[in-house]
């Protein structure tokens, strides 16, 4: 049996929230948007661009795989992957900020550990014991 492995960076059709093929719900899950909003946009596109919308939706139903059954990620992990889909540059900036913050705290700690005040504080602690 060929069991499909879930990839959070891949667009899937939804199994749980499908109306017609699960494409709209899959797009909503992928981008972290409301299913109603995506379905409304598809409906408007269907009214304005009937034939292209039907063709594209049909191709999406045919080519997109259904999300693997039983593959549920934690909400925090889902938010992380959805934020990457929206703006990889913003995600990279957030990671850079976090590492810069850690680096600043590490430098402060290193400065304290090599300072005279640390040695003095340590000597006082030894006297108290």
Protein backbone atom coordinates (compact mmCIF):
# COMPACT_ATOMS: atom_id res chain seq x y z
CA UNK A 1 0.00 0.00 0.00
CA UNK A 2 1.42 3.39 -0.98
CA UNK A 3 0.93 5.70 1.98
CA UNK A 4 1.25 9.39 1.17
CA UNK A 5 3.50 11.50 3.40
CA UNK A 6 2.14 14.89 4.46
CA UNK A 7 4.14 17.95 3.39
CA UNK A 8 2.98 21.20 5.05
CA UNK A 9 4.40 23.29 2.20
CA UNK A 10 2.24 21.57 -0.39
CA UNK A 11 -1.26 22.51 -1.51
CA UNK A 12 -3.77 19.70 -0.97
CA UNK A 13 -7.51 19.32 -1.47
CA UNK A 14 -9.36 19.16 1.83
CA UNK A 15 -10.92 15.91 3.00
CA UNK A 16 -12.91 17.26 5.92
CA UNK A 17 -14.41 20.47 4.51
CA UNK A 18 -15.02 19.73 0.86
CA UNK A 19 -18.10 20.90 -0.97
CA UNK A 20 -17.10 20.31 -4.60
CA UNK A 21 -13.76 18.52 -4.70
CA UNK A 22 -12.21 20.25 -1.67
CA UNK A 23 -10.16 22.73 -3.72
CA UNK A 24 -11.49 25.90 -2.06
CA UNK A 25 -11.11 24.49 1.45
CA UNK A 26 -7.61 23.25 0.58
CA UNK A 27 -6.60 26.72 -0.62
CA UNK A 28 -8.06 28.23 2.56
CA UNK A 29 -6.10 25.79 4.75
CA UNK A 30 -2.91 26.39 2.80
CA UNK A 31 -3.04 30.19 3.14
CA UNK A 32 -4.72 30.30 6.56
CA UNK A 33 -7.76 32.14 5.29
CA UNK A 34 -11.47 31.67 5.86
CA UNK A 35 -13.10 28.92 3.79
CA UNK A 36 -16.07 31.22 3.28
CA UNK A 37 -13.84 33.97 1.85
CA UNK A 38 -12.08 31.62 -0.60
CA UNK A 39 -15.37 30.06 -1.68
CA UNK A 40 -16.86 33.53 -2.17
CA UNK A 41 -13.91 34.57 -4.37
CA UNK A 42 -14.29 31.37 -6.40
CA UNK A 43 -18.03 32.05 -6.76
CA UNK A 44 -17.39 35.62 -7.98
CA UNK A 45 -14.76 34.30 -10.40
CA UNK A 46 -17.29 31.75 -11.60
CA UNK A 47 -19.77 34.54 -12.38
CA UNK A 48 -17.24 36.85 -14.05
CA UNK A 49 -14.97 34.28 -15.74
CA UNK A 50 -17.19 31.24 -16.06
CA UNK A 51 -15.32 29.01 -18.48
CA UNK A 52 -11.75 29.70 -17.20
CA UNK A 53 -12.88 29.20 -13.61
CA UNK A 54 -14.54 25.88 -14.41
CA UNK A 55 -11.46 24.69 -16.32
CA UNK A 56 -8.99 25.78 -13.61
CA UNK A 57 -11.16 24.32 -10.82
CA UNK A 58 -11.52 21.07 -12.73
CA UNK A 59 -7.77 20.86 -13.31
CA UNK A 60 -7.16 21.57 -9.62
CA UNK A 61 -9.57 18.77 -8.68
CA UNK A 62 -7.74 16.43 -11.03
CA UNK A 63 -4.12 17.34 -10.22
CA UNK A 64 -4.20 18.24 -6.52
CA UNK A 65 -3.93 15.28 -4.18
CA UNK A 66 -6.23 14.95 -1.22
CA UNK A 67 -4.66 15.75 2.12
CA UNK A 68 -3.37 12.49 3.65
CA UNK A 69 -5.82 11.03 6.17
CA UNK A 70 -4.87 11.30 9.82
CA UNK A 71 -2.18 13.92 9.20
CA UNK A 72 -3.06 16.70 11.62
CA UNK A 73 -0.42 19.12 12.81
CA UNK A 74 -0.46 21.17 15.96
CA UNK A 75 -2.16 24.60 15.69
CA UNK A 76 1.14 26.35 16.39
CA UNK A 77 2.85 24.41 13.60
CA UNK A 78 -0.03 25.17 11.24
CA UNK A 79 0.25 28.91 12.00
CA UNK A 80 4.00 28.72 11.36
CA UNK A 81 3.61 27.11 7.92
CA UNK A 82 0.78 29.45 6.96
CA UNK A 83 2.88 32.48 7.88
CA UNK A 84 5.66 31.19 5.65
CA UNK A 85 3.20 30.81 2.76
CA UNK A 86 2.07 34.39 3.14
CA UNK A 87 5.47 36.05 3.43
CA UNK A 88 8.74 34.11 3.51
CA UNK A 89 10.70 37.37 3.83
CA UNK A 90 8.69 38.39 6.91
CA UNK A 91 9.27 34.96 8.45
CA UNK A 92 12.99 35.26 7.80
CA UNK A 93 13.00 38.70 9.45
CA UNK A 94 11.22 37.28 12.54
CA UNK A 95 13.74 34.45 12.82
CA UNK A 96 16.59 36.95 12.43
CA UNK A 97 15.10 39.13 15.19
CA UNK A 98 14.80 36.14 17.52
CA UNK A 99 18.39 35.06 16.94
CA UNK A 100 19.61 38.65 17.34
CA UNK A 101 17.77 38.85 20.66
CA UNK A 102 19.34 35.58 21.82
CA UNK A 103 22.75 36.82 20.69
CA UNK A 104 22.32 40.10 22.60
CA UNK A 105 21.34 38.25 25.79
CA UNK A 106 24.27 35.88 25.37
CA UNK A 107 26.67 38.80 24.97
CA UNK A 108 25.24 40.46 28.10
CA UNK A 109 25.66 37.22 30.04
CA UNK A 110 29.22 36.79 28.79
CA UNK A 111 30.07 40.37 29.73
CA UNK A 112 28.71 39.80 33.26
CA UNK A 113 30.54 36.49 33.71
CA UNK A 114 33.85 38.06 32.74
CA UNK A 115 33.35 41.21 34.81
CA UNK A 116 34.68 42.07 38.25
CA UNK A 117 31.15 42.35 39.66
CA UNK A 118 30.53 38.65 38.95
CA UNK A 119 33.69 37.70 40.80
CA UNK A 120 32.67 39.95 43.69
CA UNK A 121 29.11 38.55 43.77
CA UNK A 122 30.52 35.04 43.76
CA UNK A 123 32.88 35.83 46.64
CA UNK A 124 29.94 37.21 48.69
CA UNK A 125 27.89 34.08 47.93
CA UNK A 126 30.74 31.90 49.16
CA UNK A 127 30.95 33.93 52.38
CA UNK A 128 27.21 33.45 52.99
CA UNK A 129 27.50 29.66 52.67
